[in-house]
Amino acid sequence: MANINRPRDFHEARWDEPIIMEMGEKGKRGVLIPQASDKIKKTVGSAEGLIPAGMVRKKAPALPEMSQMEVLRHYMRLSQETIGTDINIDIGLGTCTMKYSPKINEQFVRSEKLQEVHPLQDESTIQGILEIMYKDEQYLKAISGMDRVGLQAGGGSQAIFQNVSIIRAYFESKGLADVKNEIITTILSHPANPGAAATLGYKVITLYPGEDGLPDLEALKAAVNEHTAALMITNPEDTGIYNDKIRQFVDLVHSVGGLCVYDQANLNGVFGITRARDAGFDMCHYNLHKSFSSPHGCQGPAAGASCVSAELAGFLASPTVEFDGEKYYLRYDNPESIGKVRKFYGVPAVLLRTYAYIRSMGPDGMKAVGELSILNNNYMLKKMSDIPGLSMPMAEGKFRMEQARMSWEQLTKDTGVTTDDIARRVVDYGFQDYFASHHPRLIPEPFTPEPVESYSKDDIDEYVEAIRSIAKEAYEDPDVVKTAPHKAALATQIDESYLTEWEKFATTWRGYKKYLCKDK
């Protein structure tokens, strides 16, 4: 790394490449499928006869007809227009915990032994993945201190939704559902916490930070009452400030019969150092695709683990994975269960990576993850402390854990360049993006980097120098930053209405044709 000029001279490939559904030519083929022999035809009969009449297509699907070379060329070009964790340094995506995922884990996941498993197979034929899921639970029980773990959720937000569903089911079982109708959370916890609570009909009470950067304990004292069903809190929050008063928060909510839920999306700095149960929590959740090393992006793949105390174990989503001493099996018949939160029984690929990650790290390695994340973050913050226009507000001088929420407020006042402008400009330096913050933006012009344990000192130095260079540009030639990106595959600023207005979303080809081409 010593011979690399920082920041790097980067320019992304840019291809005028159409969508594959608009490509091809009738009659072209990439693969010629061999015809069945007369013997097979006589034995099996007509393939069409094997398909129920109601499932037979009225016409063939409109698929592009292309040669192998054209298909390969198309996807290779798209890959050159994509920046991801294997290409760039992902320090800027704070709260996402973008760590390196060992490639041997990808070999496990891509094995036909997993790829060809079908969720409707008989349990006797999937003992391997059930064993891995069962052992995942045992490891996560040890890491969290909890008594049972549900692995069905397809992501962190879904795990949060499962936890709120368990809260509701728990109080319904006690005949207190009408009384326990309020959930307390904090403004700097993940928005899925109030979102899930509101979706399930709870009144949401939000705590704001005090001068120490922590949720206000006095505000919590004023909020708790006989209606308090639960406290849902992240620690450390996205500011990276650890709440050393957390036990007081938990005890206060317990004093009125409420439950306490630990959102551990920001687990990386407390790996092997603290446990949710030891702090008195009744539940927690992990984002397995973050903390336990699955590459994630484009809204997947993901998996959420809901960890609960023995008193709440019966309410977990069904099925749970059980072991009778001889075989592993899925249990569907728990009468207290909240039912399913997604199809089938989890996301096996992410659960396999989780298993491999835990086994390869071991207890000492996992504790080292937390320690190195903290070390990397505080080294980075020290390096960034003299960048013009950048500050770290809220509890000034207080120690940060695995990430920090910084502010470009002064730079914006001085130059007019905003954090969103900088988010676009970092692409010109070869970084896929950076994270500002969830809304509402409590800290003005926010910026939330997280270097995790994967990055070396040289990686951090390279990233910091790129941020320093962008700040220098903002003061010397702000239009360069404001009009970015210039070197990206898409060298025009994105119309963000297609990201924020649901009627314009086009997540499928059909959606694209319906919404984006309706005037053509």
Protein backbone atom coordinates (compact mmCIF):
# COMPACT_ATOMS: atom_id res chain seq x y z
CA MET A 1 0.00 0.00 0.00
CA ALA A 2 2.95 2.35 0.60
CA ASN A 3 3.47 2.96 -3.13
CA ILE A 4 -0.15 3.93 -3.86
CA ASN A 5 -0.85 7.59 -4.41
CA ARG A 6 -3.73 8.75 -2.24
CA PRO A 7 -6.36 9.49 -3.19
CA ARG A 8 -6.37 7.09 -6.14
CA ASP A 9 -7.02 8.16 -9.71
CA PHE A 10 -10.30 6.33 -10.38
CA HIS A 11 -12.73 6.22 -13.28
CA GLU A 12 -15.51 3.70 -13.46
CA ALA A 13 -16.46 1.90 -16.68
CA ARG A 14 -19.46 3.39 -18.46
CA TRP A 15 -21.35 1.32 -21.02
CA ASP A 16 -24.39 2.38 -22.99
CA GLU A 17 -25.95 -0.96 -22.15
CA PRO A 18 -29.68 -1.60 -22.61
CA ILE A 19 -31.80 -3.69 -20.25
CA ILE A 20 -31.50 -7.35 -21.19
CA MET A 21 -35.25 -7.60 -21.82
CA GLU A 22 -34.74 -5.17 -24.69
CA MET A 23 -31.92 -7.20 -26.23
CA GLY A 24 -31.72 -10.27 -28.42
CA GLU A 25 -33.02 -11.40 -31.76
CA LYS A 26 -35.61 -14.03 -32.56
CA GLY A 27 -34.04 -17.41 -33.25
CA LYS A 28 -30.75 -16.86 -31.40
CA ARG A 29 -29.81 -19.52 -28.87
CA GLY A 30 -27.24 -19.76 -26.08
CA VAL A 31 -27.90 -23.42 -25.28
CA LEU A 32 -29.33 -26.18 -27.45
CA ILE A 33 -31.37 -28.52 -25.28
CA PRO A 34 -31.11 -32.13 -26.45
CA GLN A 35 -34.35 -33.74 -27.55
CA ALA A 36 -35.66 -36.68 -25.54
CA SER A 37 -35.13 -40.07 -27.13
CA ASP A 38 -38.07 -42.11 -28.41
CA LYS A 39 -37.60 -44.53 -25.51
CA ILE A 40 -37.93 -41.74 -22.94
CA LYS A 41 -40.92 -40.27 -24.74
CA LYS A 42 -42.65 -43.65 -24.73
CA THR A 43 -41.90 -44.27 -21.05
CA VAL A 44 -42.67 -40.80 -19.67
CA GLY A 45 -45.25 -39.58 -22.13
CA SER A 46 -45.96 -35.96 -22.93
CA ALA A 47 -44.31 -33.39 -20.66
CA GLU A 48 -47.37 -31.16 -21.06
CA GLY A 49 -49.47 -33.93 -19.57
CA LEU A 50 -47.55 -33.72 -16.30
CA ILE A 51 -48.58 -30.11 -15.72
CA PRO A 52 -52.04 -29.36 -14.25
CA ALA A 53 -54.23 -27.61 -16.80
CA GLY A 54 -54.59 -24.52 -14.61
CA MET A 55 -50.82 -24.01 -14.57
CA VAL A 56 -50.21 -24.28 -18.31
CA ARG A 57 -49.17 -20.97 -19.90
CA LYS A 58 -51.39 -19.63 -22.65
CA LYS A 59 -48.29 -18.42 -24.46
CA ALA A 60 -44.54 -18.71 -24.05
CA PRO A 61 -42.82 -16.16 -21.76
CA ALA A 62 -41.30 -13.18 -23.56
CA LEU A 63 -37.64 -13.94 -22.84
CA PRO A 64 -34.69 -12.38 -24.72
CA GLU A 65 -33.17 -14.72 -27.29
CA MET A 66 -29.38 -14.32 -27.17
CA SER A 67 -26.14 -16.19 -27.73
CA GLN A 68 -23.93 -17.20 -24.82
CA MET A 69 -21.33 -14.62 -25.80
CA GLU A 70 -23.91 -11.82 -25.78
CA VAL A 71 -25.21 -12.84 -22.37
CA LEU A 72 -21.70 -13.03 -20.92
CA ARG A 73 -20.74 -9.69 -22.45
CA HIS A 74 -23.89 -8.04 -21.05
CA TYR A 75 -23.33 -9.15 -17.48
CA MET A 76 -19.59 -8.51 -17.54
CA ARG A 77 -20.29 -4.94 -18.62
CA LEU A 78 -22.80 -4.51 -15.81
CA SER A 79 -20.26 -5.89 -13.33
CA GLN A 80 -17.76 -3.23 -14.46
CA GLU A 81 -20.34 -0.56 -13.63
CA THR A 82 -20.81 -1.86 -10.09
CA ILE A 83 -18.80 -1.00 -6.99
CA GLY A 84 -19.12 -3.42 -4.08
CA THR A 85 -17.34 -4.81 -1.04
CA ASP A 86 -14.90 -6.84 -3.12
CA ILE A 87 -13.79 -3.77 -5.09
CA ASN A 88 -13.79 -0.79 -2.75
CA ILE A 89 -13.28 0.17 0.90
CA ASP A 90 -16.71 0.25 2.55
CA ILE A 91 -15.83 2.33 5.60
CA GLY A 92 -18.40 4.97 4.65
CA LEU A 93 -21.46 2.76 5.07
CA GLY A 94 -21.85 3.24 8.81
CA THR A 95 -24.41 1.11 10.71
CA CYS A 96 -24.19 -1.43 7.84
CA THR A 97 -21.07 -3.14 9.29
CA MET A 98 -19.63 -3.89 5.85
CA LYS A 99 -16.98 -6.41 6.87
CA TYR A 100 -15.08 -8.81 4.67
CA SER A 101 -16.77 -12.14 4.03
CA PRO A 102 -14.25 -14.98 3.62
CA LYS A 103 -14.51 -16.56 0.18
CA ILE A 104 -14.43 -20.07 1.59
CA ASN A 105 -17.85 -19.29 3.08
CA GLU A 106 -19.08 -18.50 -0.43
CA GLN A 107 -17.85 -21.91 -1.57
CA PHE A 108 -19.95 -23.52 1.15
CA VAL A 109 -23.02 -21.53 0.20
CA ARG A 110 -22.66 -22.17 -3.52
CA SER A 111 -22.24 -25.90 -3.10
CA GLU A 112 -24.98 -27.93 -4.76
CA LYS A 113 -25.51 -29.53 -1.35
CA LEU A 114 -27.16 -26.27 -0.32
CA GLN A 115 -28.16 -24.75 -3.65
CA GLU A 116 -30.33 -27.72 -4.58
CA VAL A 117 -32.14 -27.97 -1.25
CA HIS A 118 -35.86 -27.28 -1.56
CA PRO A 119 -37.80 -25.92 1.44
CA LEU A 120 -40.53 -28.51 0.96
CA GLN A 121 -38.16 -31.50 1.14
CA ASP A 122 -38.79 -34.12 3.77
CA GLU A 123 -36.89 -33.36 6.99
CA SER A 124 -34.97 -36.63 6.74
CA THR A 125 -33.27 -35.31 3.59
CA ILE A 126 -32.16 -31.94 5.01
CA GLN A 127 -30.53 -33.00 8.26
CA GLY A 128 -27.35 -31.09 7.37
CA ILE A 129 -28.83 -27.59 7.13
CA LEU A 130 -31.14 -28.27 10.09
CA GLU A 131 -28.11 -29.25 12.16
CA ILE A 132 -26.34 -26.03 11.16
CA MET A 133 -29.41 -23.94 12.07
CA TYR A 134 -29.73 -25.74 15.40
CA LYS A 135 -26.06 -25.13 16.21
CA ASP A 136 -26.38 -21.50 15.09
CA GLU A 137 -29.00 -21.13 17.79
CA GLN A 138 -26.73 -22.64 20.45
CA TYR A 139 -23.91 -20.24 19.53
CA LEU A 140 -26.22 -17.20 19.47
CA LYS A 141 -27.64 -18.21 22.85
CA ALA A 142 -24.12 -18.12 24.26
CA ILE A 143 -23.33 -14.78 22.58
CA SER A 144 -26.55 -13.11 23.78
CA GLY A 145 -27.09 -14.95 27.07
CA MET A 146 -30.68 -15.68 26.02
CA ASP A 147 -32.51 -19.02 26.22
CA ARG A 148 -33.97 -19.47 22.72
CA VAL A 149 -33.27 -18.00 19.28
CA GLY A 150 -35.64 -17.75 16.33
CA LEU A 151 -33.93 -17.77 12.91
CA GLN A 152 -36.90 -17.37 10.59
CA ALA A 153 -36.76 -13.60 10.00
CA GLY A 154 -35.50 -12.44 6.62
CA GLY A 155 -33.66 -9.40 7.99
CA GLY A 156 -33.13 -7.14 10.97
CA SER A 157 -36.36 -5.19 10.51
CA GLN A 158 -38.33 -8.42 10.30
CA ALA A 159 -36.65 -9.65 13.48
CA ILE A 160 -37.70 -6.39 15.16
CA PHE A 161 -41.26 -6.95 13.91
CA GLN A 162 -41.13 -10.49 15.34
CA ASN A 163 -40.01 -9.12 18.71
CA VAL A 164 -42.89 -6.64 18.82
CA SER A 165 -45.29 -9.42 17.84
CA ILE A 166 -43.93 -11.45 20.77
CA ILE A 167 -44.49 -8.47 23.09
CA ARG A 168 -48.11 -8.30 21.98
CA ALA A 169 -48.64 -12.06 22.30
CA TYR A 170 -47.04 -12.09 25.75
CA PHE A 171 -49.36 -9.43 27.15
CA GLU A 172 -52.37 -10.99 25.42
CA SER A 173 -51.57 -14.23 27.25
CA LYS A 174 -51.72 -12.31 30.52
CA GLY A 175 -54.92 -10.47 29.63
CA LEU A 176 -53.08 -7.13 29.59
CA ALA A 177 -53.10 -6.31 25.86
CA ASP A 178 -55.48 -3.35 26.29
CA VAL A 179 -53.48 -1.96 29.22
CA LYS A 180 -49.95 -2.42 27.87
CA ASN A 181 -50.35 -0.28 24.76
CA GLU A 182 -47.25 1.97 24.72
CA ILE A 183 -43.72 1.28 23.51
CA ILE A 184 -40.79 3.56 24.29
CA THR A 185 -37.85 3.90 21.90
CA THR A 186 -35.15 6.47 21.12
CA ILE A 187 -34.69 8.85 18.20
CA LEU A 188 -31.24 7.40 17.45
CA SER A 189 -32.34 3.77 17.46
CA HIS A 190 -33.14 2.09 14.15
CA PRO A 191 -36.39 3.46 12.64
CA ALA A 192 -37.71 -0.11 12.37
CA ASN A 193 -38.26 -0.08 16.14
CA PRO A 194 -40.94 2.64 16.18
CA GLY A 195 -42.07 1.45 12.73
CA ALA A 196 -42.81 -2.09 13.90
CA ALA A 197 -44.44 -0.84 17.10
CA ALA A 198 -46.73 1.56 15.21
CA THR A 199 -47.58 -1.10 12.63
CA LEU A 200 -48.81 -3.38 15.41
CA GLY A 201 -50.94 -0.63 16.93
CA TYR A 202 -48.77 0.64 19.77
CA LYS A 203 -48.48 4.26 20.81
CA VAL A 204 -44.82 5.16 20.33
CA ILE A 205 -42.99 7.40 22.79
CA THR A 206 -39.59 8.65 21.60
CA LEU A 207 -36.70 9.67 23.85
CA TYR A 208 -34.19 12.28 22.70
CA PRO A 209 -30.56 12.54 23.82
CA GLY A 210 -29.35 14.78 26.60
CA GLU A 211 -26.10 16.75 26.72
CA ASP A 212 -24.13 13.54 27.25
CA GLY A 213 -25.38 12.16 23.93
CA LEU A 214 -27.35 9.41 25.66
CA PRO A 215 -31.13 8.95 25.79
CA ASP A 216 -32.42 11.14 28.60
CA LEU A 217 -32.95 9.00 31.73
CA GLU A 218 -35.19 11.64 33.30
CA ALA A 219 -37.36 11.62 30.17
CA LEU A 220 -37.67 7.84 30.51
CA LYS A 221 -38.73 8.22 34.13
CA ALA A 222 -41.46 10.60 33.00
CA ALA A 223 -42.58 8.26 30.22
CA VAL A 224 -42.88 4.90 32.00
CA ASN A 225 -46.26 4.06 33.50
CA GLU A 226 -48.72 1.19 33.77
CA HIS A 227 -49.26 1.36 29.99
CA THR A 228 -45.59 0.73 29.14
CA ALA A 229 -45.34 -2.54 27.22
CA ALA A 230 -41.67 -2.31 26.31
CA LEU A 231 -38.50 -0.31 25.83
CA MET A 232 -36.78 -0.86 22.45
CA ILE A 233 -33.30 0.59 22.47
CA THR A 234 -30.00 0.34 20.60
CA ASN A 235 -26.71 0.45 22.50
CA PRO A 236 -24.44 1.87 21.31
CA GLU A 237 -26.73 3.97 19.18
CA ASP A 238 -25.64 5.13 15.74
CA THR A 239 -23.56 7.88 17.37
CA GLY A 240 -21.20 5.19 18.66
CA ILE A 241 -21.67 6.39 22.24
CA TYR A 242 -22.13 3.48 24.67
CA ASN A 243 -24.88 3.93 27.25
CA ASP A 244 -23.22 3.01 30.54
CA LYS A 245 -26.52 3.66 32.36
CA ILE A 246 -28.33 0.96 30.41
CA ARG A 247 -29.08 -1.18 33.46
CA GLN A 248 -30.96 1.75 35.03
CA PHE A 249 -33.10 2.00 31.89
CA VAL A 250 -33.89 -1.72 32.00
CA ASP A 251 -34.68 -1.80 35.71
CA LEU A 252 -36.98 1.22 35.40
CA VAL A 253 -39.06 -0.38 32.65
CA HIS A 254 -39.17 -3.70 34.49
CA SER A 255 -40.47 -1.89 37.57
CA VAL A 256 -43.75 -1.21 35.75
CA GLY A 257 -44.01 -4.69 34.24
CA GLY A 258 -42.63 -3.80 30.81
CA LEU A 259 -40.27 -5.81 28.64
CA CYS A 260 -36.88 -4.61 27.40
CA VAL A 261 -35.67 -5.25 23.85
CA TYR A 262 -32.05 -4.72 22.81
CA ASP A 263 -31.59 -3.75 19.15
CA GLN A 264 -28.10 -5.12 18.47
CA ALA A 265 -27.69 -4.02 14.88
CA ASN A 266 -24.59 -2.20 16.18
CA LEU A 267 -23.11 -5.32 17.75
CA ASN A 268 -19.64 -5.08 16.25
CA GLY A 269 -18.07 -3.00 19.02
CA VAL A 270 -19.41 -5.14 21.89
CA PHE A 271 -18.72 -8.63 20.49
CA GLY A 272 -17.59 -10.83 23.37
CA ILE A 273 -17.56 -7.84 25.74
CA THR A 274 -21.20 -7.40 26.79
CA ARG A 275 -24.29 -9.62 26.53
CA ALA A 276 -27.92 -8.55 26.31
CA ARG A 277 -29.12 -10.89 29.05
CA ASP A 278 -26.37 -9.76 31.44
CA ALA A 279 -27.75 -6.22 31.13
CA GLY A 280 -31.21 -7.52 32.09
CA PHE A 281 -32.85 -7.52 28.65
CA ASP A 282 -35.70 -9.89 27.83
CA MET A 283 -35.07 -9.94 24.08
CA CYS A 284 -32.54 -8.84 21.49
CA HIS A 285 -31.98 -9.26 17.78
CA TYR A 286 -28.94 -9.60 15.55
CA ASN A 287 -28.54 -8.71 11.90
CA LEU A 288 -26.72 -11.87 10.86
CA HIS A 289 -25.86 -10.42 7.44
CA LYS A 290 -23.96 -7.60 9.16
CA SER A 291 -22.29 -8.76 12.35
CA PHE A 292 -21.82 -12.37 11.24
CA SER A 293 -20.43 -11.71 7.79
CA SER A 294 -22.72 -12.14 4.83
CA PRO A 295 -22.17 -9.73 1.94
CA HIS A 296 -25.28 -7.62 1.72
CA GLY A 297 -26.62 -5.05 -0.67
CA CYS A 298 -29.59 -4.32 -2.90
CA GLN A 299 -31.89 -5.20 0.02
CA GLY A 300 -30.55 -8.72 0.49
CA PRO A 301 -29.64 -11.40 1.26
CA ALA A 302 -30.33 -10.93 4.95
CA ALA A 303 -31.32 -12.80 8.08
CA GLY A 304 -32.45 -11.67 11.51
CA ALA A 305 -32.06 -13.63 14.73
CA SER A 306 -34.54 -13.00 17.55
CA CYS A 307 -33.07 -14.02 20.92
CA VAL A 308 -35.48 -14.33 23.87
CA SER A 309 -35.62 -15.32 27.52
CA ALA A 310 -37.18 -18.62 28.61
CA GLU A 311 -40.41 -16.83 29.56
CA LEU A 312 -40.87 -15.66 25.97
CA ALA A 313 -39.52 -18.71 24.13
CA GLY A 314 -42.94 -20.20 23.39
CA PHE A 315 -43.98 -17.12 21.41
CA LEU A 316 -41.21 -17.37 18.78
CA ALA A 317 -42.25 -17.67 15.15
CA SER A 318 -42.86 -21.20 13.88
CA PRO A 319 -41.26 -23.44 12.94
CA THR A 320 -38.38 -23.71 15.37
CA VAL A 321 -35.52 -26.17 14.84
CA GLU A 322 -35.39 -28.92 17.46
CA PHE A 323 -33.18 -31.94 18.18
CA ASP A 324 -34.43 -35.10 19.90
CA GLY A 325 -31.01 -36.65 20.39
CA GLU A 326 -31.11 -38.55 17.10
CA LYS A 327 -32.51 -36.26 14.44
CA TYR A 328 -33.21 -32.60 13.78
CA TYR A 329 -36.74 -31.52 12.98
CA LEU A 330 -38.99 -28.50 12.51
CA ARG A 331 -41.60 -27.90 15.18
CA TYR A 332 -44.80 -26.25 14.00
CA ASP A 333 -47.20 -27.17 16.81
CA ASN A 334 -46.31 -24.63 19.51
CA PRO A 335 -49.72 -23.27 20.62
CA GLU A 336 -48.32 -19.93 21.85
CA SER A 337 -46.32 -19.15 18.69
CA ILE A 338 -46.99 -15.91 16.83
CA GLY A 339 -46.94 -18.01 13.63
CA LYS A 340 -44.79 -17.24 10.62
CA VAL A 341 -43.06 -13.95 9.88
CA ARG A 342 -41.88 -15.15 6.45
CA LYS A 343 -42.13 -18.21 4.23
CA PHE A 344 -40.55 -21.49 5.25
CA TYR A 345 -37.90 -21.53 7.98
CA GLY A 346 -35.26 -18.87 7.41
CA VAL A 347 -32.53 -17.89 4.95
CA PRO A 348 -30.23 -20.95 4.85
CA ALA A 349 -27.40 -19.28 2.91
CA VAL A 350 -26.95 -16.54 5.52
CA LEU A 351 -27.37 -19.03 8.37
CA LEU A 352 -24.63 -21.22 6.86
CA ARG A 353 -22.28 -18.24 6.59
CA THR A 354 -23.10 -17.36 10.21
CA TYR A 355 -22.18 -20.87 11.29
CA ALA A 356 -18.91 -20.80 9.34
CA TYR A 357 -18.02 -17.35 10.68
CA ILE A 358 -18.63 -18.28 14.32
CA ARG A 359 -16.75 -21.57 14.01
CA SER A 360 -13.76 -19.94 12.32
CA MET A 361 -13.54 -17.07 14.82
CA GLY A 362 -14.17 -18.82 18.12
CA PRO A 363 -14.78 -16.91 21.38
CA ASP A 364 -11.37 -15.22 21.43
CA GLY A 365 -11.62 -14.21 17.78
CA MET A 366 -15.07 -12.73 18.25
CA LYS A 367 -13.90 -10.65 21.20
CA ALA A 368 -10.99 -9.47 19.02
CA VAL A 369 -13.58 -8.32 16.45
CA GLY A 370 -15.05 -5.94 19.02
CA GLU A 371 -11.69 -4.67 20.22
CA LEU A 372 -10.32 -4.13 16.71
CA SER A 373 -13.51 -2.38 15.57
CA ILE A 374 -13.13 0.10 18.41
CA LEU A 375 -9.42 0.57 17.72
CA ASN A 376 -10.01 1.15 13.98
CA ASN A 377 -12.79 3.62 14.62
CA ASN A 378 -10.90 5.73 17.08
CA TYR A 379 -7.78 5.76 14.90
CA MET A 380 -9.96 6.94 12.00
CA LEU A 381 -11.64 9.63 14.12
CA LYS A 382 -8.25 10.94 15.24
CA LYS A 383 -7.12 11.13 11.59
CA MET A 384 -10.32 12.96 10.62
CA SER A 385 -10.22 15.42 13.51
CA ASP A 386 -8.33 18.09 11.52
CA ILE A 387 -10.37 17.92 8.29
CA PRO A 388 -11.76 21.44 7.66
CA GLY A 389 -15.52 21.73 8.09
CA LEU A 390 -15.96 18.32 9.76
CA SER A 391 -16.87 17.96 13.43
CA MET A 392 -18.18 15.34 15.85
CA PRO A 393 -21.01 16.98 17.78
CA MET A 394 -22.98 15.56 20.69
CA ALA A 395 -21.06 14.73 23.87
CA GLU A 396 -17.88 16.39 22.60
CA GLY A 397 -14.79 14.54 23.72
CA LYS A 398 -16.73 11.43 24.75
CA PHE A 399 -15.31 8.09 23.70
CA ARG A 400 -16.90 6.42 20.65
CA MET A 401 -17.25 2.70 20.06
CA GLU A 402 -17.38 1.11 16.59
CA GLN A 403 -18.66 4.10 14.60
CA ALA A 404 -19.48 7.78 14.98
CA ARG A 405 -22.02 10.23 13.64
CA MET A 406 -20.10 13.25 12.42
CA SER A 407 -21.30 16.54 10.93
CA TRP A 408 -20.43 18.67 7.89
CA GLU A 409 -22.50 21.58 9.25
CA GLN A 410 -19.56 24.03 9.24
CA LEU A 411 -18.48 23.01 5.74
CA THR A 412 -22.06 23.54 4.49
CA LYS A 413 -22.18 27.00 6.07
CA ASP A 414 -18.82 27.90 4.55
CA THR A 415 -19.25 26.45 1.05
CA GLY A 416 -22.86 25.42 0.44
CA VAL A 417 -21.72 21.82 -0.10
CA THR A 418 -23.99 19.37 1.74
CA THR A 419 -23.50 15.85 3.04
CA ASP A 420 -25.63 14.59 0.13
CA ASP A 421 -23.27 16.30 -2.31
CA ILE A 422 -20.33 14.55 -0.65
CA ALA A 423 -22.17 11.22 -0.81
CA ARG A 424 -22.24 11.57 -4.60
CA ARG A 425 -18.67 12.81 -4.85
CA VAL A 426 -17.13 9.83 -3.01
CA VAL A 427 -18.16 7.65 -5.97
CA ASP A 428 -15.64 9.56 -8.08
CA TYR A 429 -12.95 8.35 -5.68
CA GLY A 430 -13.90 4.68 -6.08
CA PHE A 431 -16.10 4.28 -2.99
CA GLN A 432 -19.61 2.98 -3.52
CA ASP A 433 -21.32 5.40 -1.15
CA TYR A 434 -21.39 6.71 2.35
CA PHE A 435 -24.12 6.82 4.94
CA ALA A 436 -25.44 10.10 6.31
CA SER A 437 -28.05 9.00 8.85
CA HIS A 438 -31.58 7.81 9.22
CA HIS A 439 -34.27 10.45 9.18
CA PRO A 440 -34.93 12.68 10.99
CA ARG A 441 -31.38 14.02 10.81
CA LEU A 442 -30.91 15.07 14.40
CA ILE A 443 -27.28 16.00 13.74
CA PRO A 444 -27.02 18.60 10.93
CA GLU A 445 -25.39 17.45 7.67
CA PRO A 446 -24.56 14.04 9.15
CA PHE A 447 -21.88 11.56 8.10
CA THR A 448 -21.56 8.12 9.74
CA PRO A 449 -18.42 6.10 8.92
CA GLU A 450 -17.72 2.63 10.38
CA PRO A 451 -14.33 0.98 9.67
CA VAL A 452 -15.15 -2.45 11.28
CA GLU A 453 -12.43 -4.99 12.02
CA SER A 454 -11.69 -5.91 8.41
CA TYR A 455 -9.81 -2.80 7.34
CA SER A 456 -6.10 -2.21 7.74
CA LYS A 457 -4.38 0.99 8.79
CA ASP A 458 -3.56 1.61 5.12
CA ASP A 459 -7.22 1.18 4.14
CA ILE A 460 -8.31 3.69 6.76
CA ASP A 461 -5.58 6.14 5.71
CA GLU A 462 -6.69 5.88 2.08
CA TYR A 463 -10.34 6.50 2.95
CA VAL A 464 -9.54 9.45 5.24
CA GLU A 465 -7.38 11.07 2.56
CA ALA A 466 -10.24 10.81 0.07
CA ILE A 467 -12.60 12.54 2.52
CA ARG A 468 -9.94 15.17 3.19
CA SER A 469 -9.54 15.76 -0.56
CA ILE A 470 -13.30 16.23 -1.01
CA ALA A 471 -13.38 18.75 1.83
CA LYS A 472 -10.53 20.64 0.15
CA GLU A 473 -12.47 20.64 -3.13
CA ALA A 474 -15.54 22.00 -1.33
CA TYR A 475 -13.57 25.02 -0.13
CA GLU A 476 -11.67 25.60 -3.37
CA ASP A 477 -14.16 24.61 -6.09
CA PRO A 478 -17.54 23.69 -4.54
CA ASP A 479 -19.25 23.18 -7.91
CA VAL A 480 -17.07 20.12 -8.54
CA VAL A 481 -18.64 18.49 -5.50
CA LYS A 482 -22.15 19.82 -6.03
CA THR A 483 -22.36 18.50 -9.58
CA ALA A 484 -20.86 15.07 -8.82
CA PRO A 485 -20.59 12.30 -9.81
CA HIS A 486 -18.29 12.85 -12.79
CA LYS A 487 -16.43 9.54 -13.10
CA ALA A 488 -19.20 7.08 -12.27
CA ALA A 489 -21.03 4.67 -14.55
CA LEU A 490 -24.03 6.96 -14.18
CA ALA A 491 -22.49 10.40 -14.56
CA THR A 492 -25.72 12.28 -13.95
CA GLN A 493 -27.43 13.01 -10.68
CA ILE A 494 -30.20 10.55 -9.91
CA ASP A 495 -33.81 11.70 -9.85
CA GLU A 496 -34.45 10.73 -6.24
CA SER A 497 -38.22 10.67 -6.75
CA TYR A 498 -37.68 7.16 -8.15
CA LEU A 499 -36.27 6.18 -4.76
CA THR A 500 -38.81 7.93 -2.55
CA GLU A 501 -42.15 7.84 -4.38
CA TRP A 502 -43.53 4.33 -4.23
CA GLU A 503 -45.61 4.61 -7.39
CA LYS A 504 -42.39 5.09 -9.37
CA PHE A 505 -40.60 2.05 -7.96
CA ALA A 506 -39.64 -0.44 -10.64
CA THR A 507 -38.31 -3.55 -8.91
CA THR A 508 -39.49 -5.82 -11.74
CA TRP A 509 -39.57 -5.70 -15.53
CA ARG A 510 -43.35 -5.51 -15.36
CA GLY A 511 -43.08 -2.56 -12.96
CA TYR A 512 -40.62 -0.86 -15.26
CA LYS A 513 -42.95 -1.23 -18.25
CA LYS A 514 -45.93 -0.05 -16.22
CA TYR A 515 -44.49 3.03 -14.54
CA LEU A 516 -41.43 4.21 -16.43
CA CYS A 517 -42.70 3.63 -19.95
CA LYS A 518 -46.33 4.61 -19.53
CA ASP A 519 -45.90 7.81 -21.54
CA LYS A 520 -43.89 6.22 -24.35
